[in-house]
C-alpha atoms as a PDB file:
ATOM      1  CA  MET A   1     -13.739   2.674  37.074  1.00  0.00           C
ATOM      2  CA  SER A   2     -12.662   4.719  34.063  1.00  0.00           C
ATOM      3  CA  ARG A   3     -12.899   3.193  30.639  1.00  0.00           C
ATOM      4  CA  PRO A   4      -9.602   2.353  28.854  1.00  0.00           C
ATOM      5  CA  PRO A   5      -8.715   4.403  25.778  1.00  0.00           C
ATOM      6  CA  ALA A   6     -10.246   3.203  22.529  1.00  0.00           C
ATOM      7  CA  ARG A   7      -7.660   1.829  20.113  1.00  0.00           C
ATOM      8  CA  GLY A   8      -7.512   0.699  16.513  1.00  0.00           C
ATOM      9  CA  ARG A   9      -4.716  -0.874  14.494  1.00  0.00           C
ATOM     10  CA  ALA A  10      -4.074  -1.405  10.775  1.00  0.00           C
ATOM     11  CA  GLY A  11      -1.140  -2.613   8.718  1.00  0.00           C
ATOM     12  CA  GLY A  12       0.911  -1.339   5.821  1.00  0.00           C
ATOM     13  CA  LYS A  13       0.976  -2.871   2.375  1.00  0.00           C
ATOM     14  CA  VAL A  14       2.988  -3.750  -0.677  1.00  0.00           C
ATOM     15  CA  ILE A  15       1.570  -3.756  -4.181  1.00  0.00           C
ATOM     16  CA  LEU A  16       3.125  -6.747  -5.870  1.00  0.00           C
ATOM     17  CA  LEU A  17       1.801  -6.042  -9.348  1.00  0.00           C
ATOM     18  CA  GLY A  18      -0.435  -3.540 -11.102  1.00  0.00           C
ATOM     19  CA  GLU A  19       0.036  -0.211  -9.298  1.00  0.00           C
ATOM     20  CA  HIS A  20      -1.146   2.812 -11.277  1.00  0.00           C
ATOM     21  CA  ALA A  21      -2.968   0.671 -13.861  1.00  0.00           C
ATOM     22  CA  VAL A  22      -5.366  -0.290 -11.060  1.00  0.00           C
ATOM     23  CA  VAL A  23      -6.615   3.317 -11.014  1.00  0.00           C
ATOM     24  CA  TYR A  24      -7.781   2.773 -14.609  1.00  0.00           C
ATOM     25  CA  GLY A  25      -9.825  -0.348 -13.934  1.00  0.00           C
ATOM     26  CA  ARG A  26      -7.176  -3.026 -14.389  1.00  0.00           C
ATOM     27  CA  PRO A  27      -6.485  -5.692 -11.754  1.00  0.00           C
ATOM     28  CA  ALA A  28      -3.652  -5.510  -9.255  1.00  0.00           C
ATOM     29  CA  VAL A  29      -2.215  -7.749  -6.550  1.00  0.00           C
ATOM     30  CA  ALA A  30      -1.408  -6.446  -3.096  1.00  0.00           C
ATOM     31  CA  SER A  31      -0.690  -7.777   0.359  1.00  0.00           C
ATOM     32  CA  GLY A  32      -0.810  -6.518   3.879  1.00  0.00           C
ATOM     33  CA  ILE A  33       2.470  -6.520   5.818  1.00  0.00           C
ATOM     34  CA  ALA A  34       3.304  -6.820   9.488  1.00  0.00           C
ATOM     35  CA  LEU A  35       4.442  -3.209   9.905  1.00  0.00           C
ATOM     36  CA  GLY A  36       1.534  -1.392  11.470  1.00  0.00           C
ATOM     37  CA  LEU A  37       0.031   1.759  12.885  1.00  0.00           C
ATOM     38  CA  GLU A  38      -1.985   2.159  16.094  1.00  0.00           C
ATOM     39  CA  ALA A  39      -4.422   4.949  16.848  1.00  0.00           C
ATOM     40  CA  GLU A  40      -5.643   5.753  20.341  1.00  0.00           C
ATOM     41  CA  VAL A  41      -8.573   8.091  20.861  1.00  0.00           C
ATOM     42  CA  ALA A  42      -9.715   9.910  23.953  1.00  0.00           C
ATOM     43  CA  ARG A  43     -12.045  12.745  24.775  1.00  0.00           C
ATOM     44  CA  GLY A  44     -10.415  16.107  24.302  1.00  0.00           C
ATOM     45  CA  VAL A  45     -10.471  19.304  22.291  1.00  0.00           C
ATOM     46  CA  GLY A  46     -10.835  18.154  18.716  1.00  0.00           C
ATOM     47  CA  PRO A  47     -10.802  17.177  16.082  1.00  0.00           C
ATOM     48  CA  ARG A  48      -7.077  16.699  16.651  1.00  0.00           C
ATOM     49  CA  LEU A  49      -4.458  14.255  15.415  1.00  0.00           C
ATOM     50  CA  GLU A  50      -1.109  13.889  17.169  1.00  0.00           C
ATOM     51  CA  SER A  51       1.408  11.635  15.470  1.00  0.00           C
ATOM     52  CA  ASP A  52       4.973  10.421  15.844  1.00  0.00           C
ATOM     53  CA  VAL A  53       5.337  10.976  12.094  1.00  0.00           C
ATOM     54  CA  GLU A  54       4.870  14.223  10.207  1.00  0.00           C
ATOM     55  CA  SER A  55       1.228  15.264   9.818  1.00  0.00           C
ATOM     56  CA  ASP A  56      -0.686  18.289   8.571  1.00  0.00           C
ATOM     57  CA  ALA A  57      -4.208  19.703   8.538  1.00  0.00           C
ATOM     58  CA  ARG A  58      -5.437  16.633   6.666  1.00  0.00           C
ATOM     59  CA  GLY A  59      -5.063  14.704   9.913  1.00  0.00           C
ATOM     60  CA  GLU A  60      -7.710  16.855  11.567  1.00  0.00           C
ATOM     61  CA  THR A  61      -9.957  16.380   8.539  1.00  0.00           C
ATOM     62  CA  LEU A  62      -9.496  12.620   8.837  1.00  0.00           C
ATOM     63  CA  VAL A  63     -10.456  12.618  12.525  1.00  0.00           C
ATOM     64  CA  ALA A  64     -13.499  14.792  11.841  1.00  0.00           C
ATOM     65  CA  GLU A  65     -14.803  12.707   8.946  1.00  0.00           C
ATOM     66  CA  ALA A  66     -14.131   9.380  10.657  1.00  0.00           C
ATOM     67  CA  ALA A  67     -15.882  10.579  13.832  1.00  0.00           C
ATOM     68  CA  ARG A  68     -18.949  11.662  11.893  1.00  0.00           C
ATOM     69  CA  ALA A  69     -18.984   8.332  10.043  1.00  0.00           C
ATOM     70  CA  VAL A  70     -19.401   6.428  13.306  1.00  0.00           C
ATOM     71  CA  GLY A  71     -21.821   8.907  14.877  1.00  0.00           C
ATOM     72  CA  LEU A  72     -19.476  10.914  17.111  1.00  0.00           C
ATOM     73  CA  GLU A  73     -19.138  14.676  17.486  1.00  0.00           C
ATOM     74  CA  PRO A  74     -15.683  15.529  16.028  1.00  0.00           C
ATOM     75  CA  ARG A  75     -14.921  18.366  18.423  1.00  0.00           C
ATOM     76  CA  ASP A  76     -14.981  15.950  21.355  1.00  0.00           C
ATOM     77  CA  TRP A  77     -12.175  13.661  20.169  1.00  0.00           C
ATOM     78  CA  ALA A  78      -8.394  13.707  19.939  1.00  0.00           C
ATOM     79  CA  VAL A  79      -6.325  10.930  18.353  1.00  0.00           C
ATOM     80  CA  ARG A  80      -2.759   9.905  19.084  1.00  0.00           C
ATOM     81  CA  VAL A  81      -0.946   7.793  16.486  1.00  0.00           C
ATOM     82  CA  ARG A  82       2.135   5.568  16.721  1.00  0.00           C
ATOM     83  CA  SER A  83       3.436   4.119  13.472  1.00  0.00           C
ATOM     84  CA  ASP A  84       6.074   1.617  12.351  1.00  0.00           C
ATOM     85  CA  ILE A  85       5.323   2.328   8.653  1.00  0.00           C
ATOM     86  CA  PRO A  86       7.746   4.685   6.893  1.00  0.00           C
ATOM     87  CA  ALA A  87       5.715   7.552   5.428  1.00  0.00           C
ATOM     88  CA  GLY A  88       5.888   8.509   1.771  1.00  0.00           C
ATOM     89  CA  GLN A  89       7.525   5.263   0.638  1.00  0.00           C
ATOM     90  CA  GLY A  90       4.628   3.493  -1.071  1.00  0.00           C
ATOM     91  CA  LEU A  91       3.910   1.222   1.902  1.00  0.00           C
ATOM     92  CA  GLY A  92       0.395   2.468   2.601  1.00  0.00           C
ATOM     93  CA  SER A  93       0.957   4.695   5.620  1.00  0.00           C
ATOM     94  CA  SER A  94      -1.985   7.001   4.888  1.00  0.00           C
ATOM     95  CA  ALA A  95      -4.359   4.095   4.280  1.00  0.00           C
ATOM     96  CA  ALA A  96      -3.264   2.415   7.505  1.00  0.00           C
ATOM     97  CA  LEU A  97      -3.812   5.723   9.283  1.00  0.00           C
ATOM     98  CA  SER A  98      -7.309   6.002   7.840  1.00  0.00           C
ATOM     99  CA  ILE A  99      -8.316   2.472   8.859  1.00  0.00           C
ATOM    100  CA  ALA A 100      -6.712   2.631  12.315  1.00  0.00           C
ATOM    101  CA  VAL A 101      -8.358   5.968  13.161  1.00  0.00           C
ATOM    102  CA  LEU A 102     -11.695   4.688  11.892  1.00  0.00           C
ATOM    103  CA  ARG A 103     -11.410   1.526  13.968  1.00  0.00           C
ATOM    104  CA  ALA A 104     -10.438   3.408  17.114  1.00  0.00           C
ATOM    105  CA  LEU A 105     -13.313   5.864  16.793  1.00  0.00           C
ATOM    106  CA  ALA A 106     -15.730   3.002  16.115  1.00  0.00           C
ATOM    107  CA  VAL A 107     -14.618   1.422  19.400  1.00  0.00           C
ATOM    108  CA  ALA A 108     -15.174   4.766  21.144  1.00  0.00           C
ATOM    109  CA  ALA A 109     -18.671   4.864  19.671  1.00  0.00           C
ATOM    110  CA  GLY A 110     -19.387   1.330  20.850  1.00  0.00           C
ATOM    111  CA  ARG A 111     -19.735   0.104  17.274  1.00  0.00           C
ATOM    112  CA  THR A 112     -18.442  -2.912  15.397  1.00  0.00           C
ATOM    113  CA  LEU A 113     -18.222  -1.991  11.746  1.00  0.00           C
ATOM    114  CA  PRO A 114     -19.110  -4.722   9.244  1.00  0.00           C
ATOM    115  CA  ARG A 115     -16.183  -5.427   6.932  1.00  0.00           C
ATOM    116  CA  ALA A 116     -17.948  -4.031   3.866  1.00  0.00           C
ATOM    117  CA  GLU A 117     -18.698  -0.758   5.693  1.00  0.00           C
ATOM    118  CA  GLU A 118     -15.157  -0.513   7.029  1.00  0.00           C
ATOM    119  CA  LEU A 119     -13.727  -0.926   3.526  1.00  0.00           C
ATOM    120  CA  ARG A 120     -16.166   1.585   2.041  1.00  0.00           C
ATOM    121  CA  LEU A 121     -15.375   4.198   4.680  1.00  0.00           C
ATOM    122  CA  GLY A 122     -11.658   3.464   4.400  1.00  0.00           C
ATOM    123  CA  ARG A 123     -11.742   4.239   0.676  1.00  0.00           C
ATOM    124  CA  THR A 124     -13.519   7.518   1.359  1.00  0.00           C
ATOM    125  CA  LEU A 125     -11.131   8.541   4.113  1.00  0.00           C
ATOM    126  CA  GLU A 126      -8.016   7.731   2.052  1.00  0.00           C
ATOM    127  CA  GLY A 127      -9.288  10.222  -0.498  1.00  0.00           C
ATOM    128  CA  ILE A 128      -8.402  12.964   1.991  1.00  0.00           C
ATOM    129  CA  PHE A 129      -4.753  12.192   1.254  1.00  0.00           C
ATOM    130  CA  HIS A 130      -4.753  10.999  -2.355  1.00  0.00           C
ATOM    131  CA  GLY A 131      -7.748  12.529  -4.130  1.00  0.00           C
ATOM    132  CA  THR A 132      -9.330   9.673  -6.084  1.00  0.00           C
ATOM    133  CA  PRO A 133      -7.345   6.548  -5.134  1.00  0.00           C
ATOM    134  CA  SER A 134      -8.227   3.061  -6.343  1.00  0.00           C
ATOM    135  CA  GLY A 135      -9.021   1.788  -2.839  1.00  0.00           C
ATOM    136  CA  ILE A 136      -6.406  -0.968  -2.902  1.00  0.00           C
ATOM    137  CA  ASP A 137      -4.384   0.523  -0.023  1.00  0.00           C
ATOM    138  CA  PRO A 138      -7.145   0.651   2.608  1.00  0.00           C
ATOM    139  CA  THR A 139      -8.250  -2.824   1.515  1.00  0.00           C
ATOM    140  CA  ALA A 140      -4.777  -4.147   2.269  1.00  0.00           C
ATOM    141  CA  ALA A 141      -4.649  -2.202   5.531  1.00  0.00           C
ATOM    142  CA  ALA A 142      -7.928  -3.721   6.652  1.00  0.00           C
ATOM    143  CA  LEU A 143      -7.436  -7.299   5.432  1.00  0.00           C
ATOM    144  CA  GLY A 144      -3.738  -7.873   6.029  1.00  0.00           C
ATOM    145  CA  THR A 145      -3.597 -10.714   3.489  1.00  0.00           C
ATOM    146  CA  THR A 146      -2.687 -11.212  -0.179  1.00  0.00           C
ATOM    147  CA  PHE A 147      -5.424 -10.539  -2.720  1.00  0.00           C
ATOM    148  CA  ARG A 148      -6.334  -9.629  -6.287  1.00  0.00           C
ATOM    149  CA  PHE A 149      -8.137  -6.303  -6.564  1.00  0.00           C
ATOM    150  CA  VAL A 150     -10.197  -4.557  -9.238  1.00  0.00           C
ATOM    151  CA  ARG A 151     -11.475  -1.055  -8.623  1.00  0.00           C
ATOM    152  CA  GLY A 152     -15.246  -0.613  -8.398  1.00  0.00           C
ATOM    153  CA  ASP A 153     -18.091   0.335  -6.113  1.00  0.00           C
ATOM    154  CA  PRO A 154     -17.743  -2.013  -4.392  1.00  0.00           C
ATOM    155  CA  PRO A 155     -14.372  -3.271  -5.657  1.00  0.00           C
ATOM    156  CA  THR A 156     -13.675  -6.898  -6.503  1.00  0.00           C
ATOM    157  CA  VAL A 157     -11.452  -8.448  -3.843  1.00  0.00           C
ATOM    158  CA  GLU A 158     -10.276 -12.026  -4.376  1.00  0.00           C
ATOM    159  CA  PRO A 159      -8.058 -13.665  -1.715  1.00  0.00           C
ATOM    160  CA  ILE A 160      -4.962 -15.464  -2.995  1.00  0.00           C
ATOM    161  CA  VAL A 161      -3.654 -18.510  -1.162  1.00  0.00           C
ATOM    162  CA  LEU A 162       0.087 -18.569  -1.700  1.00  0.00           C
ATOM    163  CA  GLY A 163       1.612 -21.778  -3.051  1.00  0.00           C
ATOM    164  CA  ALA A 164       4.943 -20.979  -1.375  1.00  0.00           C
ATOM    165  CA  PRO A 165       6.270 -18.342   1.005  1.00  0.00           C
ATOM    166  CA  VAL A 166       7.072 -15.059  -0.744  1.00  0.00           C
ATOM    167  CA  SER A 167      10.100 -13.293   0.710  1.00  0.00           C
ATOM    168  CA  LEU A 168      10.843  -9.686  -0.169  1.00  0.00           C
ATOM    169  CA  VAL A 169      13.615  -7.240   0.549  1.00  0.00           C
ATOM    170  CA  ILE A 170      12.304  -3.674   0.419  1.00  0.00           C
ATOM    171  CA  ALA A 171      14.799  -0.852  -0.009  1.00  0.00           C
ATOM    172  CA  LEU A 172      13.398   2.532   0.950  1.00  0.00           C
ATOM    173  CA  GLY A 173      14.046   5.731  -0.954  1.00  0.00           C
ATOM    174  CA  GLY A 174      15.444   8.970   0.382  1.00  0.00           C
ATOM    175  CA  ALA A 175      13.029  11.814   0.973  1.00  0.00           C
ATOM    176  CA  PRO A 176       9.332  10.871   1.078  1.00  0.00           C
ATOM    177  CA  ARG A 177       7.543  11.426  -2.228  1.00  0.00           C
ATOM    178  CA  SER A 178       3.944  12.260  -3.054  1.00  0.00           C
ATOM    179  CA  THR A 179       1.729   9.466  -4.348  1.00  0.00           C
ATOM    180  CA  GLY A 180      -0.794  12.120  -5.354  1.00  0.00           C
ATOM    181  CA  ALA A 181       1.772  13.871  -7.547  1.00  0.00           C
ATOM    182  CA  ALA A 182       2.750  10.619  -9.280  1.00  0.00           C
ATOM    183  CA  VAL A 183      -0.892   9.694  -9.883  1.00  0.00           C
ATOM    184  CA  GLY A 184      -1.728  13.197 -11.120  1.00  0.00           C
ATOM    185  CA  GLY A 185       1.218  13.274 -13.495  1.00  0.00           C
ATOM    186  CA  LEU A 186       0.224   9.967 -15.036  1.00  0.00           C
ATOM    187  CA  ARG A 187      -3.358  11.183 -15.462  1.00  0.00           C
ATOM    188  CA  GLU A 188      -2.122  14.194 -17.429  1.00  0.00           C
ATOM    189  CA  ARG A 189      -0.080  11.929 -19.712  1.00  0.00           C
ATOM    190  CA  TRP A 190      -3.032   9.559 -20.108  1.00  0.00           C
ATOM    191  CA  GLN A 191      -5.291  12.433 -21.114  1.00  0.00           C
ATOM    192  CA  ALA A 192      -2.742  13.543 -23.723  1.00  0.00           C
ATOM    193  CA  GLU A 193      -2.122  10.028 -25.154  1.00  0.00           C
ATOM    194  CA  ARG A 194      -5.027   7.807 -24.180  1.00  0.00           C
ATOM    195  CA  ARG A 195      -4.554   5.096 -26.788  1.00  0.00           C
ATOM    196  CA  ARG A 196      -0.915   4.506 -25.853  1.00  0.00           C
ATOM    197  CA  HIS A 197      -1.575   4.445 -22.128  1.00  0.00           C
ATOM    198  CA  GLU A 198      -4.630   2.200 -22.363  1.00  0.00           C
ATOM    199  CA  ALA A 199      -2.516  -0.309 -24.310  1.00  0.00           C
ATOM    200  CA  LEU A 200       0.129  -0.210 -21.593  1.00  0.00           C
ATOM    201  CA  PHE A 201      -2.504  -0.687 -18.901  1.00  0.00           C
ATOM    202  CA  ASP A 202      -3.774  -3.737 -20.805  1.00  0.00           C
ATOM    203  CA  GLU A 203      -0.243  -5.147 -20.824  1.00  0.00           C
ATOM    204  CA  VAL A 204      -0.059  -4.627 -17.071  1.00  0.00           C
ATOM    205  CA  ALA A 205      -3.337  -6.545 -16.695  1.00  0.00           C
ATOM    206  CA  GLY A 206      -1.809  -9.482 -18.550  1.00  0.00           C
ATOM    207  CA  VAL A 207       1.223  -9.423 -16.271  1.00  0.00           C
ATOM    208  CA  VAL A 208      -1.065  -9.408 -13.218  1.00  0.00           C
ATOM    209  CA  HIS A 209      -2.930 -12.462 -14.528  1.00  0.00           C
ATOM    210  CA  THR A 210       0.352 -14.356 -14.959  1.00  0.00           C
ATOM    211  CA  GLY A 211       1.501 -13.240 -11.520  1.00  0.00           C
ATOM    212  CA  VAL A 212      -1.656 -14.502  -9.813  1.00  0.00           C
ATOM    213  CA  LEU A 213      -1.124 -17.942 -11.364  1.00  0.00           C
ATOM    214  CA  ALA A 214       2.507 -17.914 -10.215  1.00  0.00           C
ATOM    215  CA  LEU A 215       1.558 -16.956  -6.656  1.00  0.00           C
ATOM    216  CA  ARG A 216      -0.999 -19.743  -6.420  1.00  0.00           C
ATOM    217  CA  ALA A 217       1.436 -22.293  -7.881  1.00  0.00           C
ATOM    218  CA  GLY A 218       4.329 -21.158  -5.715  1.00  0.00           C
ATOM    219  CA  ASP A 219       6.387 -20.572  -8.874  1.00  0.00           C
ATOM    220  CA  LEU A 220       8.809 -17.917  -7.650  1.00  0.00           C
ATOM    221  CA  ALA A 221      10.825 -17.799 -10.879  1.00  0.00           C
ATOM    222  CA  ALA A 222       7.680 -16.989 -12.857  1.00  0.00           C
ATOM    223  CA  LEU A 223       6.641 -14.449 -10.239  1.00  0.00           C
ATOM    224  CA  GLY A 224      10.035 -12.759 -10.466  1.00  0.00           C
ATOM    225  CA  ALA A 225       9.663 -12.483 -14.235  1.00  0.00           C
ATOM    226  CA  THR A 226       6.349 -10.672 -13.752  1.00  0.00           C
ATOM    227  CA  PHE A 227       8.045  -8.229 -11.375  1.00  0.00           C
ATOM    228  CA  ASP A 228      10.612  -7.410 -14.051  1.00  0.00           C
ATOM    229  CA  ARG A 229       8.047  -6.990 -16.816  1.00  0.00           C
ATOM    230  CA  ASN A 230       5.798  -4.835 -14.617  1.00  0.00           C
ATOM    231  CA  GLN A 231       8.768  -2.597 -13.801  1.00  0.00           C
ATOM    232  CA  ALA A 232       9.486  -2.140 -17.511  1.00  0.00           C
ATOM    233  CA  LEU A 233       5.880  -1.089 -18.081  1.00  0.00           C
ATOM    234  CA  LEU A 234       5.980   1.316 -15.131  1.00  0.00           C
ATOM    235  CA  GLU A 235       9.033   2.935 -16.698  1.00  0.00           C
ATOM    236  CA  MET A 236       7.102   3.330 -19.960  1.00  0.00           C
ATOM    237  CA  LEU A 237       4.268   4.928 -17.996  1.00  0.00           C
ATOM    238  CA  GLY A 238       6.688   7.486 -16.567  1.00  0.00           C
ATOM    239  CA  VAL A 239       6.195   6.666 -12.887  1.00  0.00           C
ATOM    240  CA  SER A 240       9.657   5.271 -12.217  1.00  0.00           C
ATOM    241  CA  SER A 241      12.841   7.270 -11.652  1.00  0.00           C
ATOM    242  CA  PRO A 242      16.614   6.901 -12.155  1.00  0.00           C
ATOM    243  CA  GLU A 243      16.975   6.256  -8.422  1.00  0.00           C
ATOM    244  CA  ILE A 244      14.481   3.395  -8.556  1.00  0.00           C
ATOM    245  CA  GLU A 245      16.007   1.906 -11.691  1.00  0.00           C
ATOM    246  CA  GLN A 246      19.485   1.953 -10.171  1.00  0.00           C
ATOM    247  CA  ARG A 247      18.292  -0.014  -7.155  1.00  0.00           C
ATOM    248  CA  VAL A 248      16.278  -2.421  -9.320  1.00  0.00           C
ATOM    249  CA  ALA A 249      19.373  -3.140 -11.435  1.00  0.00           C
ATOM    250  CA  ALA A 250      21.516  -3.678  -8.337  1.00  0.00           C
ATOM    251  CA  ALA A 251      19.037  -6.178  -6.902  1.00  0.00           C
ATOM    252  CA  ARG A 252      18.840  -8.144 -10.140  1.00  0.00           C
ATOM    253  CA  ALA A 253      22.623  -8.192 -10.545  1.00  0.00           C
ATOM    254  CA  ALA A 254      22.895  -9.637  -7.022  1.00  0.00           C
ATOM    255  CA  GLY A 255      20.578 -12.514  -7.890  1.00  0.00           C
ATOM    256  CA  ALA A 256      17.083 -11.290  -7.037  1.00  0.00           C
ATOM    257  CA  LEU A 257      14.409 -13.325  -8.825  1.00  0.00           C
ATOM    258  CA  GLY A 258      12.778 -10.037  -9.844  1.00  0.00           C
ATOM    259  CA  ALA A 259      12.614  -6.436  -8.697  1.00  0.00           C
ATOM    260  CA  LYS A 260      10.363  -3.422  -9.163  1.00  0.00           C
ATOM    261  CA  LEU A 261       9.063  -0.308  -7.508  1.00  0.00           C
ATOM    262  CA  THR A 262       6.085  -0.731  -5.234  1.00  0.00           C
ATOM    263  CA  GLY A 263       3.388   1.871  -4.690  1.00  0.00           C
ATOM    264  CA  GLY A 264       3.389   5.359  -6.140  1.00  0.00           C
ATOM    265  CA  GLY A 265       6.931   5.277  -7.499  1.00  0.00           C
ATOM    266  CA  ALA A 266       8.832   8.441  -8.443  1.00  0.00           C
ATOM    267  CA  GLY A 267      11.431   7.758  -5.766  1.00  0.00           C
ATOM    268  CA  GLY A 268       9.774   5.495  -3.189  1.00  0.00           C
ATOM    269  CA  ALA A 269      10.445   1.883  -2.256  1.00  0.00           C
ATOM    270  CA  VAL A 270      11.960  -0.856  -4.411  1.00  0.00           C
ATOM    271  CA  MET A 271      10.908  -4.446  -3.772  1.00  0.00           C
ATOM    272  CA  ALA A 272      13.120  -7.450  -4.614  1.00  0.00           C
ATOM    273  CA  LEU A 273      11.919 -11.061  -4.635  1.00  0.00           C
ATOM    274  CA  VAL A 274      14.495 -13.271  -2.914  1.00  0.00           C
ATOM    275  CA  ASP A 275      15.075 -16.789  -1.702  1.00  0.00           C
ATOM    276  CA  ALA A 276      17.369 -18.268   0.922  1.00  0.00           C
ATOM    277  CA  GLY A 277      20.204 -18.552  -1.571  1.00  0.00           C
ATOM    278  CA  ASN A 278      20.402 -14.912  -2.589  1.00  0.00           C
ATOM    279  CA  VAL A 279      18.907 -12.841   0.205  1.00  0.00           C
ATOM    280  CA  ASP A 280      22.232 -11.814   1.775  1.00  0.00           C
ATOM    281  CA  ALA A 281      23.734 -10.805  -1.571  1.00  0.00           C
ATOM    282  CA  VAL A 282      20.656  -8.768  -2.482  1.00  0.00           C
ATOM    283  CA  ILE A 283      20.674  -6.994   0.873  1.00  0.00           C
ATOM    284  CA  ALA A 284      24.364  -6.168   0.508  1.00  0.00           C
ATOM    285  CA  ALA A 285      23.840  -4.808  -3.012  1.00  0.00           C
ATOM    286  CA  LEU A 286      20.887  -2.672  -2.033  1.00  0.00           C
ATOM    287  CA  ARG A 287      22.600  -1.350   1.081  1.00  0.00           C
ATOM    288  CA  VAL A 288      24.937   0.590  -1.221  1.00  0.00           C
ATOM    289  CA  HIS A 289      21.912   2.541  -2.516  1.00  0.00           C
ATOM    290  CA  SER A 290      19.616   2.597   0.520  1.00  0.00           C
ATOM    291  CA  SER A 291      20.323   2.988   4.222  1.00  0.00           C
ATOM    292  CA  THR A 292      16.954   1.566   5.257  1.00  0.00           C
ATOM    293  CA  MET A 293      15.710  -1.877   4.289  1.00  0.00           C
ATOM    294  CA  LEU A 294      12.938  -4.183   5.388  1.00  0.00           C
ATOM    295  CA  ARG A 295      12.500  -7.927   5.094  1.00  0.00           C
ATOM    296  CA  VAL A 296       8.938  -9.077   4.588  1.00  0.00           C
ATOM    297  CA  THR A 297       7.331 -12.491   4.247  1.00  0.00           C
ATOM    298  CA  LEU A 298       3.853 -12.293   2.801  1.00  0.00           C
ATOM    299  CA  PRO A 299       1.055 -13.939   4.780  1.00  0.00           C
ATOM    300  CA  ALA A 300      -1.228 -16.463   3.134  1.00  0.00           C
ATOM    301  CA  ALA A 301      -4.852 -15.440   2.698  1.00  0.00           C
ATOM    302  CA  ALA A 302      -7.186 -16.446   5.487  1.00  0.00           C
ATOM    303  CA  ALA A 303      -9.730 -19.096   4.656  1.00  0.00           C
ATOM    304  CA  ALA A 304     -13.041 -17.666   3.498  1.00  0.00           C
END
């Protein structure tokens, strides 16, 4: 009897608070989301990645490096990917790809990766797409829960048990944008004006602290206020855009408790915090500016 194909799955993510500042050692809060990506591997001429979303030569590099990491010969393996995660929108598609491919190849190798090793390899593999990322995206892809994150080797990952359900409406941007370009542009500005940017990053860290308390208490009004303040700081850091700010303003005017970009920015997704009383109005307002929207309810962290 032939063996079934080896498969691996990972989810997308939203960064609730702290994107960009997390690259500079400040804390951030992120959560996995239900949208996911599945990788299926089989013997073939490799390394090769076939995907239902746009891919490039980095996909072959990913397959090769992930295969080597689990002890397989890269040229023997081909990977087929199916994804529900919109690419280039700040929802962690490349991190989910990295974790799913790694998991599928580990199954093919007959290995069960310990969580710490999976997270370490996921951070390395995501670097194929984003250079020197913080590691928050593959952590969310692997865990699928809500957590506080501080970059490090290894990073600090603290699960957050939500005090109330957190409902989000996510309005996607137009053309996919490059997280790497947004991160690189901010680094150039930081190098030119370090004192100013470090002060802004410190302000973001304070907002993250307040947001964690609000999440644990289930205080959605306080959480919404942290969204708004974080968005203002992201604008000061130069990683927002007129398109994002237009959608943020529309969501707030329609009654959202708070709204901000999520992820790399510069034209990606906008995330609005809603409740049962305003969700329809927020969706209607955002539909004027975005043809594609998602509704997400954040999962509570699993018990340790």
